[in-house]
Amino acid sequence: MDRVRKFLRKLPVSMQTEIDSLLHKVETGNTAGLDIKKLKGYKGLFRIRKGNIRIVFAQAEGTIRILFIGKRGDSRYEQF
């Protein structure tokens, strides 16, 4: 989770608020209009795409856990 916070701190404030808004929508279940895809080969893993930012999260039993937030093409994103 420290990598997620570190990445978010480096982003402009406007992008930070957009990502915060996206995560709030996912938590509340209001996913209409979001670019969300289930990751193939993984059970309960999804990704949200916002521009060149990717957010990978796990969803199980009503809880959401952020696994990765980073730019497209980041080697850590490619592992998913």
PDB file of N, CA and C in Angstrom:
ATOM      1  N   MET A   1       0.819  -1.197   0.000  1.00  0.00           N
ATOM      2  CA  MET A   1       0.000   0.000   0.000  1.00  0.00           C
ATOM      3  C   MET A   1       0.860   1.256   0.000  1.00  0.00           C
ATOM      4  N   ASP A   2       2.088   1.150   0.480  1.00  0.00           N
ATOM      5  CA  ASP A   2       2.961   2.315   0.493  1.00  0.00           C
ATOM      6  C   ASP A   2       3.294   2.782  -0.924  1.00  0.00           C
ATOM      7  N   ARG A   3       3.443   1.845  -1.850  1.00  0.00           N
ATOM      8  CA  ARG A   3       3.709   2.219  -3.237  1.00  0.00           C
ATOM      9  C   ARG A   3       2.544   3.001  -3.820  1.00  0.00           C
ATOM     10  N   VAL A   4       1.339   2.611  -3.446  1.00  0.00           N
ATOM     11  CA  VAL A   4       0.139   3.300  -3.933  1.00  0.00           C
ATOM     12  C   VAL A   4       0.141   4.738  -3.434  1.00  0.00           C
ATOM     13  N   ARG A   5       0.369   4.928  -2.158  1.00  0.00           N
ATOM     14  CA  ARG A   5       0.385   6.281  -1.585  1.00  0.00           C
ATOM     15  C   ARG A   5       1.493   7.124  -2.193  1.00  0.00           C
ATOM     16  N   LYS A   6       2.655   6.534  -2.372  1.00  0.00           N
ATOM     17  CA  LYS A   6       3.796   7.251  -2.941  1.00  0.00           C
ATOM     18  C   LYS A   6       3.484   7.696  -4.373  1.00  0.00           C
ATOM     19  N   PHE A   7       2.883   6.807  -5.161  1.00  0.00           N
ATOM     20  CA  PHE A   7       2.527   7.150  -6.533  1.00  0.00           C
ATOM     21  C   PHE A   7       1.503   8.279  -6.549  1.00  0.00           C
ATOM     22  N   LEU A   8       0.500   8.194  -5.682  1.00  0.00           N
ATOM     23  CA  LEU A   8      -0.550   9.213  -5.649  1.00  0.00           C
ATOM     24  C   LEU A   8       0.004  10.581  -5.258  1.00  0.00           C
ATOM     25  N   ARG A   9       0.952  10.620  -4.347  1.00  0.00           N
ATOM     26  CA  ARG A   9       1.537  11.903  -3.926  1.00  0.00           C
ATOM     27  C   ARG A   9       2.253  12.596  -5.077  1.00  0.00           C
ATOM     28  N   LYS A  10       2.775  11.843  -6.024  1.00  0.00           N
ATOM     29  CA  LYS A  10       3.509  12.420  -7.148  1.00  0.00           C
ATOM     30  C   LYS A  10       2.586  12.992  -8.229  1.00  0.00           C
ATOM     31  N   LEU A  11       1.331  12.616  -8.202  1.00  0.00           N
ATOM     32  CA  LEU A  11       0.384  13.075  -9.214  1.00  0.00           C
ATOM     33  C   LEU A  11      -0.091  14.495  -8.901  1.00  0.00           C
ATOM     34  N   PRO A  12      -0.536  15.229  -9.938  1.00  0.00           N
ATOM     35  CA  PRO A  12      -1.151  16.532  -9.690  1.00  0.00           C
ATOM     36  C   PRO A  12      -2.418  16.376  -8.846  1.00  0.00           C
ATOM     37  N   VAL A  13      -2.766  17.404  -8.121  1.00  0.00           N
ATOM     38  CA  VAL A  13      -3.921  17.344  -7.219  1.00  0.00           C
ATOM     39  C   VAL A  13      -5.199  17.016  -7.977  1.00  0.00           C
ATOM     40  N   SER A  14      -5.345  17.540  -9.179  1.00  0.00           N
ATOM     41  CA  SER A  14      -6.562  17.267  -9.951  1.00  0.00           C
ATOM     42  C   SER A  14      -6.695  15.777 -10.260  1.00  0.00           C
ATOM     43  N   MET A  15      -5.583  15.121 -10.603  1.00  0.00           N
ATOM     44  CA  MET A  15      -5.615  13.681 -10.894  1.00  0.00           C
ATOM     45  C   MET A  15      -5.861  12.892  -9.611  1.00  0.00           C
ATOM     46  N   GLN A  16      -5.301  13.350  -8.502  1.00  0.00           N
ATOM     47  CA  GLN A  16      -5.531  12.685  -7.219  1.00  0.00           C
ATOM     48  C   GLN A  16      -7.013  12.692  -6.868  1.00  0.00           C
ATOM     49  N   THR A  17      -7.683  13.821  -7.091  1.00  0.00           N
ATOM     50  CA  THR A  17      -9.111  13.886  -6.773  1.00  0.00           C
ATOM     51  C   THR A  17      -9.927  13.023  -7.719  1.00  0.00           C
ATOM     52  N   GLU A  18      -9.513  12.939  -8.995  1.00  0.00           N
ATOM     53  CA  GLU A  18     -10.217  12.069  -9.937  1.00  0.00           C
ATOM     54  C   GLU A  18     -10.108  10.607  -9.520  1.00  0.00           C
ATOM     55  N   ILE A  19      -8.916  10.186  -9.128  1.00  0.00           N
ATOM     56  CA  ILE A  19      -8.713   8.802  -8.694  1.00  0.00           C
ATOM     57  C   ILE A  19      -9.483   8.531  -7.416  1.00  0.00           C
ATOM     58  N   ASP A  20      -9.484   9.482  -6.506  1.00  0.00           N
ATOM     59  CA  ASP A  20     -10.252   9.332  -5.269  1.00  0.00           C
ATOM     60  C   ASP A  20     -11.740   9.175  -5.578  1.00  0.00           C
ATOM     61  N   SER A  21     -12.216   9.948  -6.533  1.00  0.00           N
ATOM     62  CA  SER A  21     -13.622   9.854  -6.946  1.00  0.00           C
ATOM     63  C   SER A  21     -13.926   8.491  -7.563  1.00  0.00           C
ATOM     64  N   LEU A  22     -13.014   7.988  -8.401  1.00  0.00           N
ATOM     65  CA  LEU A  22     -13.192   6.659  -9.005  1.00  0.00           C
ATOM     66  C   LEU A  22     -13.276   5.579  -7.940  1.00  0.00           C
ATOM     67  N   LEU A  23     -12.368   5.641  -6.975  1.00  0.00           N
ATOM     68  CA  LEU A  23     -12.352   4.631  -5.917  1.00  0.00           C
ATOM     69  C   LEU A  23     -13.613   4.704  -5.060  1.00  0.00           C
ATOM     70  N   HIS A  24     -14.090   5.913  -4.825  1.00  0.00           N
ATOM     71  CA  HIS A  24     -15.326   6.062  -4.045  1.00  0.00           C
ATOM     72  C   HIS A  24     -16.506   5.452  -4.806  1.00  0.00           C
ATOM     73  N   LYS A  25     -16.549   5.651  -6.124  1.00  0.00           N
ATOM     74  CA  LYS A  25     -17.627   5.069  -6.931  1.00  0.00           C
ATOM     75  C   LYS A  25     -17.595   3.548  -6.871  1.00  0.00           C
ATOM     76  N   VAL A  26     -16.397   2.975  -6.925  1.00  0.00           N
ATOM     77  CA  VAL A  26     -16.278   1.517  -6.866  1.00  0.00           C
ATOM     78  C   VAL A  26     -16.714   1.011  -5.497  1.00  0.00           C
ATOM     79  N   GLU A  27     -16.327   1.707  -4.443  1.00  0.00           N
ATOM     80  CA  GLU A  27     -16.707   1.294  -3.085  1.00  0.00           C
ATOM     81  C   GLU A  27     -18.215   1.318  -2.895  1.00  0.00           C
ATOM     82  N   THR A  28     -18.878   2.318  -3.473  1.00  0.00           N
ATOM     83  CA  THR A  28     -20.319   2.439  -3.311  1.00  0.00           C
ATOM     84  C   THR A  28     -21.102   1.602  -4.311  1.00  0.00           C
ATOM     85  N   GLY A  29     -20.397   1.016  -5.290  1.00  0.00           N
ATOM     86  CA  GLY A  29     -21.074   0.173  -6.281  1.00  0.00           C
ATOM     87  C   GLY A  29     -21.625   0.945  -7.457  1.00  0.00           C
ATOM     88  N   ASN A  30     -21.321   2.218  -7.559  1.00  0.00           N
ATOM     89  CA  ASN A  30     -21.791   3.067  -8.656  1.00  0.00           C
ATOM     90  C   ASN A  30     -20.767   3.028  -9.790  1.00  0.00           C
ATOM     91  N   THR A  31     -20.714   1.920 -10.509  1.00  0.00           N
ATOM     92  CA  THR A  31     -19.667   1.716 -11.514  1.00  0.00           C
ATOM     93  C   THR A  31     -20.119   2.050 -12.933  1.00  0.00           C
ATOM     94  N   ALA A  32     -21.294   2.618 -13.079  1.00  0.00           N
ATOM     95  CA  ALA A  32     -21.783   2.965 -14.415  1.00  0.00           C
ATOM     96  C   ALA A  32     -20.864   4.014 -15.034  1.00  0.00           C
ATOM     97  N   GLY A  33     -20.439   3.766 -16.257  1.00  0.00           N
ATOM     98  CA  GLY A  33     -19.604   4.716 -16.969  1.00  0.00           C
ATOM     99  C   GLY A  33     -18.115   4.578 -16.699  1.00  0.00           C
ATOM    100  N   LEU A  34     -17.728   3.666 -15.824  1.00  0.00           N
ATOM    101  CA  LEU A  34     -16.311   3.460 -15.546  1.00  0.00           C
ATOM    102  C   LEU A  34     -15.760   2.374 -16.471  1.00  0.00           C
ATOM    103  N   ASP A  35     -14.500   2.501 -16.816  1.00  0.00           N
ATOM    104  CA  ASP A  35     -13.843   1.512 -17.671  1.00  0.00           C
ATOM    105  C   ASP A  35     -13.225   0.442 -16.771  1.00  0.00           C
ATOM    106  N   ILE A  36     -14.048  -0.522 -16.367  1.00  0.00           N
ATOM    107  CA  ILE A  36     -13.612  -1.593 -15.476  1.00  0.00           C
ATOM    108  C   ILE A  36     -13.630  -2.905 -16.251  1.00  0.00           C
ATOM    109  N   LYS A  37     -12.572  -3.691 -16.078  1.00  0.00           N
ATOM    110  CA  LYS A  37     -12.488  -4.998 -16.709  1.00  0.00           C
ATOM    111  C   LYS A  37     -11.990  -6.019 -15.707  1.00  0.00           C
ATOM    112  N   LYS A  38     -12.524  -7.221 -15.794  1.00  0.00           N
ATOM    113  CA  LYS A  38     -12.019  -8.316 -14.972  1.00  0.00           C
ATOM    114  C   LYS A  38     -10.724  -8.800 -15.606  1.00  0.00           C
ATOM    115  N   LEU A  39      -9.712  -9.048 -14.780  1.00  0.00           N
ATOM    116  CA  LEU A  39      -8.441  -9.534 -15.307  1.00  0.00           C
ATOM    117  C   LEU A  39      -8.523 -11.036 -15.545  1.00  0.00           C
ATOM    118  N   LYS A  40      -8.160 -11.451 -16.723  1.00  0.00           N
ATOM    119  CA  LYS A  40      -8.213 -12.856 -17.090  1.00  0.00           C
ATOM    120  C   LYS A  40      -7.208 -13.652 -16.279  1.00  0.00           C
ATOM    121  N   GLY A  41      -7.619 -14.817 -15.849  1.00  0.00           N
ATOM    122  CA  GLY A  41      -6.724 -15.709 -15.119  1.00  0.00           C
ATOM    123  C   GLY A  41      -6.643 -15.429 -13.631  1.00  0.00           C
ATOM    124  N   TYR A  42      -7.356 -14.421 -13.165  1.00  0.00           N
ATOM    125  CA  TYR A  42      -7.352 -14.076 -11.742  1.00  0.00           C
ATOM    126  C   TYR A  42      -8.786 -14.036 -11.243  1.00  0.00           C
ATOM    127  N   LYS A  43      -8.999 -14.594 -10.093  1.00  0.00           N
ATOM    128  CA  LYS A  43     -10.325 -14.607  -9.514  1.00  0.00           C
ATOM    129  C   LYS A  43     -10.504 -13.370  -8.636  1.00  0.00           C
ATOM    130  N   GLY A  44     -11.466 -12.549  -8.979  1.00  0.00           N
ATOM    131  CA  GLY A  44     -11.780 -11.387  -8.167  1.00  0.00           C
ATOM    132  C   GLY A  44     -10.872 -10.192  -8.366  1.00  0.00           C
ATOM    133  N   LEU A  45     -10.047 -10.175  -9.431  1.00  0.00           N
ATOM    134  CA  LEU A  45      -9.189  -9.023  -9.721  1.00  0.00           C
ATOM    135  C   LEU A  45      -9.761  -8.236 -10.894  1.00  0.00           C
ATOM    136  N   PHE A  46      -9.764  -6.919 -10.736  1.00  0.00           N
ATOM    137  CA  PHE A  46     -10.295  -6.026 -11.754  1.00  0.00           C
ATOM    138  C   PHE A  46      -9.319  -4.884 -11.972  1.00  0.00           C
ATOM    139  N   ARG A  47      -9.476  -4.203 -13.105  1.00  0.00           N
ATOM    140  CA  ARG A  47      -8.680  -3.013 -13.346  1.00  0.00           C
ATOM    141  C   ARG A  47      -9.593  -1.894 -13.831  1.00  0.00           C
ATOM    142  N   ILE A  48      -9.232  -0.685 -13.409  1.00  0.00           N
ATOM    143  CA  ILE A  48      -9.909   0.517 -13.873  1.00  0.00           C
ATOM    144  C   ILE A  48      -8.902   1.269 -14.723  1.00  0.00           C
ATOM    145  N   ARG A  49      -9.348   1.784 -15.843  1.00  0.00           N
ATOM    146  CA  ARG A  49      -8.483   2.557 -16.720  1.00  0.00           C
ATOM    147  C   ARG A  49      -8.960   3.999 -16.739  1.00  0.00           C
ATOM    148  N   LYS A  50      -8.056   4.922 -16.434  1.00  0.00           N
ATOM    149  CA  LYS A  50      -8.346   6.358 -16.497  1.00  0.00           C
ATOM    150  C   LYS A  50      -7.161   7.021 -17.182  1.00  0.00           C
ATOM    151  N   GLY A  51      -7.299   7.279 -18.485  1.00  0.00           N
ATOM    152  CA  GLY A  51      -6.174   7.824 -19.248  1.00  0.00           C
ATOM    153  C   GLY A  51      -5.069   6.787 -19.314  1.00  0.00           C
ATOM    154  N   ASN A  52      -3.861   7.164 -18.885  1.00  0.00           N
ATOM    155  CA  ASN A  52      -2.770   6.192 -18.883  1.00  0.00           C
ATOM    156  C   ASN A  52      -2.514   5.629 -17.484  1.00  0.00           C
ATOM    157  N   ILE A  53      -3.429   5.894 -16.564  1.00  0.00           N
ATOM    158  CA  ILE A  53      -3.342   5.371 -15.196  1.00  0.00           C
ATOM    159  C   ILE A  53      -4.165   4.085 -15.115  1.00  0.00           C
ATOM    160  N   ARG A  54      -3.594   3.071 -14.457  1.00  0.00           N
ATOM    161  CA  ARG A  54      -4.292   1.801 -14.239  1.00  0.00           C
ATOM    162  C   ARG A  54      -4.395   1.551 -12.747  1.00  0.00           C
ATOM    163  N   ILE A  55      -5.566   1.125 -12.315  1.00  0.00           N
ATOM    164  CA  ILE A  55      -5.808   0.778 -10.917  1.00  0.00           C
ATOM    165  C   ILE A  55      -6.246  -0.669 -10.893  1.00  0.00           C
ATOM    166  N   VAL A  56      -5.491  -1.509 -10.212  1.00  0.00           N
ATOM    167  CA  VAL A  56      -5.836  -2.929 -10.077  1.00  0.00           C
ATOM    168  C   VAL A  56      -6.323  -3.127  -8.649  1.00  0.00           C
ATOM    169  N   PHE A  57      -7.502  -3.739  -8.533  1.00  0.00           N
ATOM    170  CA  PHE A  57      -8.057  -3.962  -7.205  1.00  0.00           C
ATOM    171  C   PHE A  57      -8.687  -5.337  -7.116  1.00  0.00           C
ATOM    172  N   ALA A  58      -8.772  -5.831  -5.891  1.00  0.00           N
ATOM    173  CA  ALA A  58      -9.423  -7.112  -5.612  1.00  0.00           C
ATOM    174  C   ALA A  58     -10.744  -6.815  -4.937  1.00  0.00           C
ATOM    175  N   GLN A  59     -11.753  -7.544  -5.323  1.00  0.00           N
ATOM    176  CA  GLN A  59     -13.072  -7.363  -4.736  1.00  0.00           C
ATOM    177  C   GLN A  59     -13.579  -8.722  -4.277  1.00  0.00           C
ATOM    178  N   ALA A  60     -13.832  -8.821  -2.978  1.00  0.00           N
ATOM    179  CA  ALA A  60     -14.339 -10.064  -2.425  1.00  0.00           C
ATOM    180  C   ALA A  60     -15.216  -9.758  -1.225  1.00  0.00           C
ATOM    181  N   GLU A  61     -16.380 -10.353  -1.219  1.00  0.00           N
ATOM    182  CA  GLU A  61     -17.316 -10.245  -0.101  1.00  0.00           C
ATOM    183  C   GLU A  61     -17.569  -8.801   0.328  1.00  0.00           C
ATOM    184  N   GLY A  62     -17.735  -7.921  -0.645  1.00  0.00           N
ATOM    185  CA  GLY A  62     -18.070  -6.542  -0.347  1.00  0.00           C
ATOM    186  C   GLY A  62     -16.906  -5.660   0.069  1.00  0.00           C
ATOM    187  N   THR A  63     -15.698  -6.176   0.097  1.00  0.00           N
ATOM    188  CA  THR A  63     -14.539  -5.353   0.435  1.00  0.00           C
ATOM    189  C   THR A  63     -13.682  -5.157  -0.810  1.00  0.00           C
ATOM    190  N   ILE A  64     -13.023  -4.020  -0.861  1.00  0.00           N
ATOM    191  CA  ILE A  64     -12.171  -3.691  -1.991  1.00  0.00           C
ATOM    192  C   ILE A  64     -10.767  -3.423  -1.466  1.00  0.00           C
ATOM    193  N   ARG A  65      -9.781  -4.043  -2.112  1.00  0.00           N
ATOM    194  CA  ARG A  65      -8.385  -3.853  -1.728  1.00  0.00           C
ATOM    195  C   ARG A  65      -7.600  -3.407  -2.956  1.00  0.00           C
ATOM    196  N   ILE A  66      -6.972  -2.233  -2.862  1.00  0.00           N
ATOM    197  CA  ILE A  66      -6.182  -1.702  -3.960  1.00  0.00           C
ATOM    198  C   ILE A  66      -4.838  -2.426  -3.980  1.00  0.00           C
ATOM    199  N   LEU A  67      -4.500  -3.025  -5.118  1.00  0.00           N
ATOM    200  CA  LEU A  67      -3.244  -3.746  -5.253  1.00  0.00           C
ATOM    201  C   LEU A  67      -2.185  -2.932  -5.978  1.00  0.00           C
ATOM    202  N   PHE A  68      -2.618  -2.113  -6.932  1.00  0.00           N
ATOM    203  CA  PHE A  68      -1.664  -1.386  -7.750  1.00  0.00           C
ATOM    204  C   PHE A  68      -2.319  -0.146  -8.339  1.00  0.00           C
ATOM    205  N   ILE A  69      -1.606   0.962  -8.295  1.00  0.00           N
ATOM    206  CA  ILE A  69      -1.967   2.156  -9.062  1.00  0.00           C
ATOM    207  C   ILE A  69      -0.690   2.609  -9.742  1.00  0.00           C
ATOM    208  N   GLY A  70      -0.733   2.733 -11.051  1.00  0.00           N
ATOM    209  CA  GLY A  70       0.456   3.149 -11.779  1.00  0.00           C
ATOM    210  C   GLY A  70       0.137   3.460 -13.225  1.00  0.00           C
ATOM    211  N   LYS A  71       1.166   3.804 -13.938  1.00  0.00           N
ATOM    212  CA  LYS A  71       1.008   4.147 -15.345  1.00  0.00           C
ATOM    213  C   LYS A  71       1.013   2.889 -16.210  1.00  0.00           C
ATOM    214  N   ARG A  72       0.344   2.987 -17.315  1.00  0.00           N
ATOM    215  CA  ARG A  72       0.309   1.907 -18.283  1.00  0.00           C
ATOM    216  C   ARG A  72       1.731   1.613 -18.725  1.00  0.00           C
ATOM    217  N   GLY A  73       2.061   0.347 -18.837  1.00  0.00           N
ATOM    218  CA  GLY A  73       3.390  -0.045 -19.264  1.00  0.00           C
ATOM    219  C   GLY A  73       4.371  -0.229 -18.118  1.00  0.00           C
ATOM    220  N   ASP A  74       3.967   0.126 -16.912  1.00  0.00           N
ATOM    221  CA  ASP A  74       4.820  -0.095 -15.744  1.00  0.00           C
ATOM    222  C   ASP A  74       5.034  -1.588 -15.588  1.00  0.00           C
ATOM    223  N   SER A  75       6.239  -1.995 -15.293  1.00  0.00           N
ATOM    224  CA  SER A  75       6.558  -3.425 -15.217  1.00  0.00           C
ATOM    225  C   SER A  75       5.730  -4.137 -14.157  1.00  0.00           C
ATOM    226  N   ARG A  76       5.366  -3.450 -13.081  1.00  0.00           N
ATOM    227  CA  ARG A  76       4.537  -4.075 -12.055  1.00  0.00           C
ATOM    228  C   ARG A  76       3.120  -4.290 -12.554  1.00  0.00           C
ATOM    229  N   TYR A  77       2.623  -3.401 -13.432  1.00  0.00           N
ATOM    230  CA  TYR A  77       1.285  -3.587 -14.002  1.00  0.00           C
ATOM    231  C   TYR A  77       1.291  -4.758 -14.978  1.00  0.00           C
ATOM    232  N   GLU A  78       2.377  -4.924 -15.696  1.00  0.00           N
ATOM    233  CA  GLU A  78       2.462  -5.983 -16.693  1.00  0.00           C
ATOM    234  C   GLU A  78       2.395  -7.379 -16.082  1.00  0.00           C
ATOM    235  N   GLN A  79       2.657  -7.514 -14.785  1.00  0.00           N
ATOM    236  CA  GLN A  79       2.597  -8.835 -14.153  1.00  0.00           C
ATOM    237  C   GLN A  79       1.172  -9.353 -14.028  1.00  0.00           C
ATOM    238  N   PHE A  80       0.197  -8.450 -14.142  1.00  0.00           N
ATOM    239  CA  PHE A  80      -1.195  -8.883 -14.006  1.00  0.00           C
ATOM    240  C   PHE A  80      -1.713  -9.360 -15.311  1.00  0.00           C
TER     241      PHE A  80
END
